[in-house]
Amino acid sequence: MKSAKSVSLFVAALAWISLLGCAIIIGGQTIAPTNLPPSALPTQVVVLPSAQRTQALRLPSPQPTQPSLPPTPDTRTEVRIGIVYPISGRLENWGKEALPIIQMAEADINNTPEAVAAGKRFRFVVVSSETTAEGALAAVKDLVEKQGIQVIVGIPTSTELEGAIPHLTQYQVAAINSASTAPLPALSKPDTVFRIAPPELYVARTHAQFALNQGYRKAAVIYRTDDWGPRYADEFVAQFKAKGYPTALVPIPPTHPQVQDYAPQVTQLSAQVAKLGADEQTIVFMAVWEGEDLNILHHATQDATLSRVRWSSAVLYPSLRSGNFVDQVVLPDARDFALAHNVWGAESYLPMNEPLRRMRAAVQAQLGREPRLEHIYLYDAMQIAARAVLLAGTAKGNAVAAMIPSATQKYAPVTGIIRFDANGDRASGDLAFYGLFKEGSTWVYRYYAFYDSQTNQFRILSQPEKREAIFCPEC
């Protein structure tokens, strides 16, 4: 890493400290804010440094402050919990959106009657994963081996969690993953790691059940052959197979971000759909990435068989609204096809409750934009981890992990009721089905239907509603 880039990262970090009133530890040196209220106990943000970054560090001279009354001593016992999050690297901009939410969650937790009655004050130590498997592992090692922390939350992406999970399980760390991660075998087994966003396979399964609910009896799936696509596709078609309905699977080589032409695969898909019987009971489902979807839909527009059936997709990416993926794939006819064939995607649905409104407003005020909603799961993860520590009466990993399911029952999550399956993954969650909507010359996503996990009911809207959610597709 070049020194100039290191200085830039340090300056950016200082800007966030000034904004949030946090202490930051870089290269073993602590920079503490001078503008905190007396009772505040700042969150620590740790960026693991390279040697060049440490050498480039130049601390500012301390500035004089106004005299103030001595702070009221806090006699509560401090409990430290780690947060591993991508506040640097490829997802840096996304990760930094969480910093105001982390600050808010820490304050909310320390003001709970449970924490006050127990005489505990929680301090969350944030270490950057640098958006890589290696960075996540290094962050976990730093928290566990150097700082003695045995309770960790965050680790939001599949890459990060896959890199960190061997160390988490080896040291029996209580961990709560805060975003929906891929259905990788290493992540889907009983351990001390819990995942509180609805898992990918749960969404795939519910999406297929929605298609069945709407009267579709034949399903063809075109999917990318990576760690995610085959499992997602299999879960979708399994719901049709369980009913005795015919299915077909067509793989494509993953080429993201350099999207290739999928004309041969779309021709194969057309032949498979023709065998199923292309009619009003047939649905084609895509488990592909951004740009790949545009190319597939573009070829479907020119195919008489594929133009006769309903389409759906695991995710509707931002580029579908314009038909333009980073100027590599410019296919507005794909967008028109998606609108005409009711191509809907499915995503988690978070009702706009008061805590969620408060968090969105706080981030909007500090960043000038709304946060992506994956960070709301981090808020719940922090709350649950702290409450599990209180229930366990200790911050030891094994004991805390055993109390995490009970902690979810004694807390009203912002993201809705949380239940875990045998692997410690969230077993249910509300979903929204969304699709394209044209407003004059503007293309937007709107909600068309909802799934209520408590009643196991689907609700089709008579008129599309504004889509409140903003998620990060690449996360």
Protein backbone atom coordinates (compact mmCIF):
# COMPACT_ATOMS: atom_id res chain seq x y z
CA MET A 1 0.00 0.00 0.00
CA LYS A 2 1.43 3.39 -1.00
CA SER A 3 2.08 6.06 1.64
CA ALA A 4 -0.17 8.59 -0.08
CA LYS A 5 -3.06 6.19 0.11
CA SER A 6 -2.24 5.56 3.76
CA VAL A 7 -2.38 9.25 4.59
CA SER A 8 -5.70 9.47 2.75
CA LEU A 9 -7.13 6.63 4.81
CA PHE A 10 -5.89 8.26 8.03
CA VAL A 11 -7.41 11.61 7.10
CA ALA A 12 -10.70 9.90 6.25
CA ALA A 13 -10.62 8.10 9.59
CA LEU A 14 -10.04 11.37 11.44
CA ALA A 15 -13.02 12.89 9.64
CA TRP A 16 -15.21 10.07 10.91
CA ILE A 17 -13.86 10.47 14.43
CA SER A 18 -14.70 14.15 14.38
CA LEU A 19 -18.15 13.33 13.05
CA LEU A 20 -18.98 10.53 15.47
CA GLY A 21 -17.03 11.35 18.60
CA CYS A 22 -15.20 7.99 18.62
CA ALA A 23 -11.74 7.01 19.79
CA ILE A 24 -9.58 5.35 17.16
CA ILE A 25 -6.56 3.11 17.57
CA ILE A 26 -4.10 3.04 14.69
CA GLY A 27 -0.73 1.39 14.94
CA GLY A 28 -1.04 1.14 18.72
CA GLN A 29 -1.68 4.88 19.24
CA THR A 30 -5.00 6.21 20.50
CA ILE A 31 -6.53 9.49 19.35
CA ALA A 32 -9.36 10.48 21.68
CA PRO A 33 -11.95 13.14 20.84
CA THR A 34 -12.13 16.25 22.98
CA ASN A 35 -15.74 17.15 22.28
CA LEU A 36 -17.52 14.25 23.98
CA PRO A 37 -20.04 14.92 26.73
CA PRO A 38 -18.71 13.92 30.18
CA SER A 39 -20.83 10.77 30.43
CA ALA A 40 -19.97 9.42 26.95
CA LEU A 41 -17.88 6.27 26.68
CA PRO A 42 -16.65 6.28 23.08
CA THR A 43 -16.69 3.39 20.69
CA GLN A 44 -13.24 2.28 19.53
CA VAL A 45 -12.61 2.01 15.81
CA VAL A 46 -9.52 0.01 14.88
CA VAL A 47 -7.98 -0.04 11.42
CA LEU A 48 -5.31 -2.73 11.25
CA PRO A 49 -2.29 -0.89 9.80
CA SER A 50 0.30 -1.91 7.27
CA ALA A 51 3.88 -0.89 8.05
CA GLN A 52 3.68 1.89 5.47
CA ARG A 53 0.50 3.25 7.00
CA THR A 54 2.12 3.39 10.44
CA GLN A 55 5.19 5.17 9.11
CA ALA A 56 3.04 7.72 7.30
CA LEU A 57 1.11 8.57 10.46
CA ARG A 58 1.49 12.12 11.75
CA LEU A 59 -0.60 12.97 14.77
CA PRO A 60 -2.05 16.50 14.98
CA SER A 61 -1.00 18.79 17.78
CA PRO A 62 -3.50 18.82 20.65
CA GLN A 63 -5.88 21.77 20.59
CA PRO A 64 -6.80 23.71 23.74
CA THR A 65 -10.27 23.03 25.08
CA GLN A 66 -12.63 25.07 27.20
CA PRO A 67 -12.55 24.26 30.93
CA SER A 68 -15.47 22.10 32.03
CA LEU A 69 -16.83 20.42 35.10
CA PRO A 70 -15.11 17.16 36.02
CA PRO A 71 -16.95 14.15 34.54
CA THR A 72 -19.19 12.09 36.77
CA PRO A 73 -17.36 8.82 37.39
CA ASP A 74 -19.03 5.75 35.91
CA THR A 75 -18.66 2.93 38.40
CA ARG A 76 -20.15 0.25 36.18
CA THR A 77 -17.96 -2.65 35.05
CA GLU A 78 -16.91 -2.38 31.42
CA VAL A 79 -17.69 -5.27 29.06
CA ARG A 80 -16.02 -5.25 25.63
CA ILE A 81 -17.63 -6.73 22.52
CA GLY A 82 -15.96 -6.79 19.12
CA ILE A 83 -17.37 -5.65 15.79
CA VAL A 84 -15.70 -6.79 12.57
CA TYR A 85 -16.94 -4.66 9.68
CA PRO A 86 -15.69 -3.45 6.27
CA ILE A 87 -14.92 0.18 7.07
CA SER A 88 -12.03 0.02 4.60
CA GLY A 89 -11.45 -1.81 1.34
CA ARG A 90 -13.90 -2.48 -1.49
CA LEU A 91 -17.04 -1.89 0.63
CA GLU A 92 -15.62 1.02 2.60
CA ASN A 93 -18.38 3.49 1.71
CA TRP A 94 -21.05 0.95 2.58
CA GLY A 95 -19.35 -0.06 5.81
CA LYS A 96 -18.95 3.48 7.08
CA GLU A 97 -22.71 3.97 6.85
CA ALA A 98 -22.91 1.74 9.94
CA LEU A 99 -20.79 3.95 12.21
CA PRO A 100 -23.65 6.23 13.33
CA ILE A 101 -25.81 3.14 13.91
CA ILE A 102 -23.06 1.51 15.98
CA GLN A 103 -22.78 4.64 18.10
CA MET A 104 -26.55 4.73 18.58
CA ALA A 105 -26.76 1.03 19.47
CA GLU A 106 -24.02 1.36 22.09
CA ALA A 107 -25.80 4.28 23.74
CA ASP A 108 -29.16 2.48 23.65
CA ILE A 109 -27.70 -0.68 25.17
CA ASN A 110 -25.97 1.16 28.00
CA ASN A 111 -29.19 2.96 28.85
CA THR A 112 -31.27 -0.22 29.13
CA PRO A 113 -32.60 -1.07 32.59
CA GLU A 114 -30.95 -4.49 32.30
CA ALA A 115 -27.47 -3.05 31.79
CA VAL A 116 -27.92 -0.43 34.51
CA ALA A 117 -29.29 -2.97 37.00
CA ALA A 118 -26.42 -5.37 36.29
CA GLY A 119 -23.85 -2.62 36.75
CA LYS A 120 -22.43 -3.23 33.26
CA ARG A 121 -21.35 -0.76 30.62
CA PHE A 122 -20.71 -2.13 27.14
CA ARG A 123 -17.95 -0.85 24.90
CA PHE A 124 -17.89 -1.99 21.27
CA VAL A 125 -14.48 -2.25 19.62
CA VAL A 126 -14.74 -1.94 15.85
CA VAL A 127 -12.00 -3.53 13.74
CA SER A 128 -12.00 -3.23 9.96
CA SER A 129 -12.13 -6.44 7.92
CA GLU A 130 -10.84 -4.51 4.91
CA THR A 131 -13.59 -6.36 2.94
CA THR A 132 -11.48 -9.49 2.52
CA ALA A 133 -11.34 -12.98 4.01
CA GLU A 134 -7.78 -12.33 5.12
CA GLY A 135 -8.73 -9.00 6.69
CA ALA A 136 -11.66 -10.54 8.56
CA LEU A 137 -9.43 -13.32 9.92
CA ALA A 138 -6.81 -10.78 11.00
CA ALA A 139 -9.49 -8.68 12.70
CA VAL A 140 -10.85 -11.70 14.59
CA LYS A 141 -7.36 -12.73 15.65
CA ASP A 142 -6.66 -9.21 16.90
CA LEU A 143 -9.85 -9.14 18.97
CA VAL A 144 -9.55 -12.67 20.34
CA GLU A 145 -5.83 -13.21 20.82
CA LYS A 146 -4.59 -9.70 21.58
CA GLN A 147 -7.59 -8.09 23.25
CA GLY A 148 -9.18 -11.15 24.87
CA ILE A 149 -12.61 -10.48 23.41
CA GLN A 150 -14.78 -13.59 22.99
CA VAL A 151 -18.01 -12.03 21.69
CA ILE A 152 -18.01 -10.59 18.14
CA VAL A 153 -20.74 -9.25 15.85
CA GLY A 154 -20.82 -8.06 12.24
CA ILE A 155 -18.68 -9.99 9.72
CA PRO A 156 -21.42 -9.24 7.19
CA THR A 157 -20.28 -10.72 3.87
CA SER A 158 -19.86 -14.35 2.84
CA THR A 159 -16.19 -13.79 1.99
CA GLU A 160 -15.45 -12.30 5.39
CA LEU A 161 -17.38 -14.89 7.36
CA GLU A 162 -15.86 -17.81 5.45
CA GLY A 163 -12.39 -16.43 6.19
CA ALA A 164 -13.09 -15.89 9.88
CA ILE A 165 -15.21 -18.90 10.81
CA PRO A 166 -12.36 -21.41 11.37
CA HIS A 167 -10.87 -19.12 14.02
CA LEU A 168 -14.27 -18.34 15.54
CA THR A 169 -15.06 -22.01 15.97
CA GLN A 170 -11.56 -22.97 17.13
CA TYR A 171 -11.71 -20.44 19.96
CA GLN A 172 -15.44 -20.97 20.61
CA VAL A 173 -16.17 -17.29 20.05
CA ALA A 174 -19.81 -16.24 20.32
CA ALA A 175 -20.47 -14.51 16.99
CA ILE A 176 -23.54 -12.97 15.39
CA ASN A 177 -23.34 -12.44 11.64
CA SER A 178 -25.39 -9.39 10.67
CA ALA A 179 -26.19 -9.86 6.98
CA SER A 180 -27.54 -12.53 4.67
CA THR A 181 -24.59 -14.65 3.62
CA ALA A 182 -24.29 -17.30 0.93
CA PRO A 183 -25.33 -20.91 1.63
CA LEU A 184 -21.78 -22.22 1.95
CA PRO A 185 -21.34 -25.59 3.70
CA ALA A 186 -18.79 -24.14 6.15
CA LEU A 187 -21.38 -21.59 7.31
CA SER A 188 -24.42 -23.86 7.51
CA LYS A 189 -23.75 -26.12 10.47
CA PRO A 190 -24.18 -26.01 14.26
CA ASP A 191 -21.49 -23.89 15.94
CA THR A 192 -21.17 -20.74 18.05
CA VAL A 193 -21.88 -18.49 15.05
CA PHE A 194 -25.45 -17.20 14.59
CA ARG A 195 -26.86 -15.42 11.53
CA ILE A 196 -29.75 -13.02 12.10
CA ALA A 197 -30.65 -11.96 8.55
CA PRO A 198 -32.96 -14.33 6.65
CA PRO A 199 -30.60 -16.77 4.88
CA GLU A 200 -30.34 -16.92 1.10
CA LEU A 201 -31.90 -20.39 0.91
CA TYR A 202 -34.86 -19.25 3.02
CA VAL A 203 -35.48 -16.45 0.52
CA ALA A 204 -35.15 -18.87 -2.42
CA ARG A 205 -37.55 -21.32 -0.80
CA THR A 206 -40.13 -18.65 0.00
CA HIS A 207 -39.83 -17.16 -3.49
CA ALA A 208 -40.67 -20.56 -4.97
CA GLN A 209 -43.60 -20.96 -2.59
CA PHE A 210 -44.85 -17.57 -3.74
CA ALA A 211 -44.72 -18.75 -7.37
CA LEU A 212 -46.67 -21.88 -6.42
CA ASN A 213 -49.16 -19.74 -4.52
CA GLN A 214 -49.73 -17.73 -7.69
CA GLY A 215 -50.59 -20.82 -9.72
CA TYR A 216 -47.30 -21.65 -11.46
CA ARG A 217 -46.76 -25.37 -11.91
CA LYS A 218 -43.64 -25.55 -14.07
CA ALA A 219 -40.28 -23.90 -13.31
CA ALA A 220 -37.11 -23.41 -15.33
CA VAL A 221 -34.10 -21.87 -13.59
CA ILE A 222 -31.06 -20.30 -15.27
CA TYR A 223 -28.24 -19.92 -12.76
CA ARG A 224 -24.56 -19.04 -12.47
CA THR A 225 -22.18 -21.86 -11.53
CA ASP A 226 -20.45 -20.43 -8.46
CA ASP A 227 -20.76 -21.12 -4.72
CA TRP A 228 -24.17 -19.41 -4.63
CA GLY A 229 -26.07 -20.12 -7.86
CA PRO A 230 -26.41 -23.94 -7.81
CA ARG A 231 -27.62 -24.04 -4.19
CA TYR A 232 -30.07 -21.19 -4.79
CA ALA A 233 -31.40 -22.85 -7.94
CA ASP A 234 -31.73 -26.26 -6.29
CA GLU A 235 -33.65 -24.79 -3.35
CA PHE A 236 -36.05 -23.04 -5.73
CA VAL A 237 -36.83 -26.08 -7.88
CA ALA A 238 -37.04 -28.36 -4.82
CA GLN A 239 -40.34 -26.71 -3.88
CA PHE A 240 -41.81 -27.60 -7.29
CA LYS A 241 -40.39 -31.12 -7.23
CA ALA A 242 -41.95 -31.71 -3.80
CA LYS A 243 -45.35 -31.14 -5.44
CA GLY A 244 -44.54 -33.43 -8.36
CA TYR A 245 -44.25 -30.53 -10.83
CA PRO A 246 -41.71 -30.54 -13.70
CA THR A 247 -38.56 -28.41 -13.56
CA ALA A 248 -35.48 -27.64 -15.64
CA LEU A 249 -32.05 -26.23 -14.80
CA VAL A 250 -29.74 -24.35 -17.18
CA PRO A 251 -26.27 -23.29 -15.95
CA ILE A 252 -24.23 -20.34 -17.18
CA PRO A 253 -20.52 -19.67 -16.60
CA PRO A 254 -20.12 -16.73 -14.19
CA THR A 255 -18.38 -13.86 -15.94
CA HIS A 256 -19.11 -10.92 -13.66
CA PRO A 257 -17.98 -8.18 -13.95
CA GLN A 258 -16.89 -8.84 -17.54
CA VAL A 259 -20.21 -10.08 -18.86
CA GLN A 260 -20.07 -12.47 -21.79
CA ASP A 261 -22.80 -13.23 -24.30
CA TYR A 262 -25.23 -15.91 -23.14
CA ALA A 263 -27.04 -16.53 -26.43
CA PRO A 264 -26.22 -20.29 -26.41
CA GLN A 265 -27.48 -20.73 -22.85
CA VAL A 266 -30.68 -18.78 -23.57
CA THR A 267 -31.28 -21.01 -26.61
CA GLN A 268 -30.86 -24.03 -24.32
CA LEU A 269 -33.26 -22.44 -21.82
CA SER A 270 -35.84 -21.92 -24.57
CA ALA A 271 -35.66 -25.59 -25.54
CA GLN A 272 -36.13 -26.66 -21.91
CA VAL A 273 -39.13 -24.35 -21.44
CA ALA A 274 -40.67 -25.68 -24.65
CA LYS A 275 -40.38 -29.22 -23.24
CA LEU A 276 -42.10 -28.10 -20.03
CA GLY A 277 -44.88 -26.58 -22.11
CA ALA A 278 -44.64 -22.82 -22.36
CA ASP A 279 -47.96 -21.55 -21.00
CA GLU A 280 -49.53 -19.43 -18.27
CA GLN A 281 -48.42 -21.96 -15.61
CA THR A 282 -44.72 -21.70 -16.52
CA ILE A 283 -42.21 -19.45 -14.77
CA VAL A 284 -38.54 -18.80 -15.57
CA PHE A 285 -36.34 -17.88 -12.61
CA MET A 286 -32.88 -16.26 -12.75
CA ALA A 287 -30.19 -16.82 -10.12
CA VAL A 288 -27.55 -14.62 -11.75
CA TRP A 289 -25.57 -11.46 -11.08
CA GLU A 290 -25.81 -7.91 -12.33
CA GLY A 291 -25.18 -7.53 -16.05
CA GLU A 292 -25.71 -11.23 -16.64
CA ASP A 293 -29.43 -10.65 -16.16
CA LEU A 294 -29.50 -7.93 -18.81
CA ASN A 295 -27.83 -10.14 -21.41
CA ILE A 296 -30.18 -13.05 -20.69
CA LEU A 297 -33.30 -10.88 -20.85
CA HIS A 298 -32.06 -9.24 -24.06
CA HIS A 299 -31.93 -12.61 -25.80
CA ALA A 300 -35.29 -13.60 -24.29
CA THR A 301 -36.94 -10.64 -26.03
CA GLN A 302 -36.06 -12.25 -29.36
CA ASP A 303 -37.34 -15.71 -28.41
CA ALA A 304 -41.01 -16.57 -29.04
CA THR A 305 -41.10 -19.34 -26.43
CA LEU A 306 -39.48 -17.35 -23.62
CA SER A 307 -41.64 -14.33 -24.41
CA ARG A 308 -44.79 -16.32 -23.61
CA VAL A 309 -43.99 -17.12 -19.96
CA ARG A 310 -43.63 -15.32 -16.64
CA TRP A 311 -40.13 -14.41 -15.37
CA SER A 312 -38.71 -13.75 -11.92
CA SER A 313 -35.27 -13.18 -10.40
CA ALA A 314 -33.44 -13.74 -7.14
CA VAL A 315 -32.33 -10.09 -7.13
CA LEU A 316 -33.28 -7.05 -9.20
CA TYR A 317 -30.10 -5.04 -9.58
CA PRO A 318 -29.90 -1.23 -9.98
CA SER A 319 -28.73 -1.48 -13.59
CA LEU A 320 -32.01 -3.11 -14.64
CA ARG A 321 -33.75 0.26 -14.26
CA SER A 322 -31.57 1.76 -16.99
CA GLY A 323 -30.62 -1.32 -18.98
CA ASN A 324 -27.00 -0.22 -18.64
CA PHE A 325 -24.39 -2.14 -16.65
CA VAL A 326 -21.17 -0.08 -16.29
CA ASP A 327 -21.34 0.74 -20.01
CA GLN A 328 -20.41 -2.86 -20.88
CA VAL A 329 -23.98 -4.02 -21.37
CA VAL A 330 -26.39 -1.38 -22.74
CA LEU A 331 -29.64 -3.22 -23.35
CA PRO A 332 -32.74 -1.15 -22.58
CA ASP A 333 -34.89 -3.81 -24.25
CA ALA A 334 -34.03 -6.03 -21.26
CA ARG A 335 -35.62 -3.46 -18.97
CA ASP A 336 -38.72 -3.27 -21.16
CA PHE A 337 -38.98 -7.08 -21.14
CA ALA A 338 -38.67 -7.14 -17.33
CA LEU A 339 -41.56 -4.70 -17.00
CA ALA A 340 -43.76 -6.52 -19.51
CA HIS A 341 -43.18 -9.94 -17.94
CA ASN A 342 -43.54 -8.89 -14.29
CA VAL A 343 -39.99 -9.81 -13.35
CA TRP A 344 -40.02 -9.57 -9.55
CA GLY A 345 -37.28 -10.03 -7.02
CA ALA A 346 -37.52 -10.86 -3.32
CA GLU A 347 -35.81 -9.20 -0.38
CA SER A 348 -36.11 -8.88 3.38
CA TYR A 349 -38.81 -6.50 4.49
CA LEU A 350 -38.36 -4.30 7.54
CA PRO A 351 -41.50 -2.52 8.73
CA MET A 352 -40.90 1.18 9.28
CA ASN A 353 -41.03 1.17 13.10
CA GLU A 354 -39.85 3.96 15.36
CA PRO A 355 -36.29 2.65 16.01
CA LEU A 356 -35.77 2.21 12.28
CA ARG A 357 -36.99 5.73 11.54
CA ARG A 358 -34.67 7.08 14.23
CA MET A 359 -31.64 5.27 12.81
CA ARG A 360 -32.37 6.31 9.24
CA ALA A 361 -32.77 9.92 10.34
CA ALA A 362 -29.51 9.86 12.31
CA VAL A 363 -27.53 8.48 9.38
CA GLN A 364 -29.23 10.88 6.96
CA ALA A 365 -28.25 13.80 9.18
CA GLN A 366 -24.61 12.71 9.43
CA LEU A 367 -23.97 11.32 5.96
CA GLY A 368 -26.47 13.21 3.83
CA ARG A 369 -27.94 9.95 2.50
CA GLU A 370 -30.03 7.09 3.77
CA PRO A 371 -28.21 3.95 4.90
CA ARG A 372 -28.57 0.60 3.22
CA LEU A 373 -30.68 -1.52 5.52
CA GLU A 374 -28.24 -4.36 6.13
CA HIS A 375 -26.82 -2.18 8.92
CA ILE A 376 -30.10 -2.43 10.87
CA TYR A 377 -29.31 -6.10 11.41
CA LEU A 378 -26.04 -5.00 12.99
CA TYR A 379 -28.02 -2.92 15.50
CA ASP A 380 -30.02 -6.02 16.46
CA ALA A 381 -26.85 -8.12 16.61
CA MET A 382 -25.28 -5.69 19.06
CA GLN A 383 -28.40 -5.65 21.22
CA ILE A 384 -28.67 -9.43 21.27
CA ALA A 385 -24.98 -9.94 22.02
CA ALA A 386 -25.08 -7.55 24.99
CA ARG A 387 -28.25 -9.14 26.36
CA ALA A 388 -26.74 -12.62 25.98
CA VAL A 389 -23.74 -11.47 28.04
CA LEU A 390 -26.08 -10.24 30.76
CA LEU A 391 -28.01 -13.53 30.74
CA ALA A 392 -24.81 -15.57 30.86
CA GLY A 393 -23.30 -13.45 33.61
CA THR A 394 -19.99 -13.62 31.76
CA ALA A 395 -18.39 -12.57 28.46
CA LYS A 396 -16.90 -16.03 27.79
CA GLY A 397 -17.73 -17.18 24.28
CA ASN A 398 -19.31 -20.57 24.96
CA ALA A 399 -21.54 -19.29 27.74
CA VAL A 400 -22.68 -16.29 25.72
CA ALA A 401 -23.39 -18.40 22.61
CA ALA A 402 -25.63 -20.65 24.70
CA MET A 403 -27.68 -17.61 25.74
CA ILE A 404 -28.10 -15.98 22.30
CA PRO A 405 -31.40 -17.77 21.46
CA SER A 406 -32.83 -16.77 24.86
CA ALA A 407 -31.64 -13.19 24.38
CA THR A 408 -33.71 -12.88 21.20
CA GLN A 409 -36.83 -13.85 23.16
CA LYS A 410 -36.32 -11.09 25.73
CA TYR A 411 -35.78 -8.34 23.14
CA ALA A 412 -38.05 -6.79 20.52
CA PRO A 413 -35.79 -6.78 17.42
CA VAL A 414 -36.02 -3.87 15.01
CA THR A 415 -35.90 -6.44 12.17
CA GLY A 416 -38.83 -8.48 13.50
CA ILE A 417 -39.15 -11.65 15.54
CA ILE A 418 -36.00 -13.79 15.37
CA ARG A 419 -36.08 -17.57 15.62
CA PHE A 420 -33.09 -19.81 14.94
CA ASP A 421 -32.92 -23.17 13.22
CA ALA A 422 -30.68 -26.06 14.27
CA ASN A 423 -27.66 -24.40 12.61
CA GLY A 424 -28.13 -21.07 14.39
CA ASP A 425 -29.43 -19.39 11.23
CA ARG A 426 -32.52 -17.21 11.28
CA ALA A 427 -35.44 -19.50 10.51
CA SER A 428 -37.91 -16.92 9.22
CA GLY A 429 -38.44 -13.30 8.31
CA ASP A 430 -40.84 -11.07 6.40
CA LEU A 431 -40.16 -10.59 2.70
CA ALA A 432 -41.18 -8.11 0.04
CA PHE A 433 -41.57 -8.82 -3.68
CA TYR A 434 -40.66 -5.87 -5.85
CA GLY A 435 -40.50 -5.07 -9.53
CA LEU A 436 -40.12 -2.32 -12.09
CA PHE A 437 -42.54 0.56 -12.28
CA LYS A 438 -42.47 3.45 -14.74
CA GLU A 439 -43.27 6.97 -13.56
CA GLY A 440 -43.24 9.20 -16.63
CA SER A 441 -39.67 8.87 -17.92
CA THR A 442 -38.35 7.52 -14.60
CA TRP A 443 -37.95 3.83 -13.81
CA VAL A 444 -38.19 2.82 -10.16
CA TYR A 445 -38.70 -0.29 -8.06
CA ARG A 446 -42.02 -0.68 -6.27
CA TYR A 447 -43.42 -3.25 -3.86
CA TYR A 448 -46.02 -5.55 -5.43
CA ALA A 449 -46.50 -8.17 -2.72
CA PHE A 450 -45.50 -9.10 0.83
CA TYR A 451 -44.92 -12.29 2.78
CA ASP A 452 -45.84 -12.33 6.48
CA SER A 453 -43.70 -14.98 8.17
CA GLN A 454 -45.90 -15.06 11.29
CA THR A 455 -49.07 -15.96 9.41
CA ASN A 456 -47.36 -17.68 6.46
CA GLN A 457 -49.49 -15.56 4.14
CA PHE A 458 -48.74 -13.77 0.85
CA ARG A 459 -50.49 -10.49 0.16
CA ILE A 460 -50.72 -9.09 -3.38
CA LEU A 461 -51.14 -5.31 -3.50
CA SER A 462 -53.90 -3.82 -5.58
CA GLN A 463 -51.56 -0.93 -6.39
CA PRO A 464 -47.73 -0.96 -6.19
CA GLU A 465 -46.30 0.82 -3.15
CA LYS A 466 -43.18 2.89 -2.70
CA ARG A 467 -40.16 0.73 -1.94
CA GLU A 468 -38.73 1.98 1.35
CA ALA A 469 -35.76 -0.36 1.43
CA ILE A 470 -32.31 0.40 0.09
CA PHE A 471 -30.11 -2.69 0.11
CA CYS A 472 -26.61 -3.29 -1.20
CA PRO A 473 -26.79 -5.91 -4.02
CA GLU A 474 -23.03 -6.58 -4.07
CA CYS A 475 -23.03 -7.20 -0.31
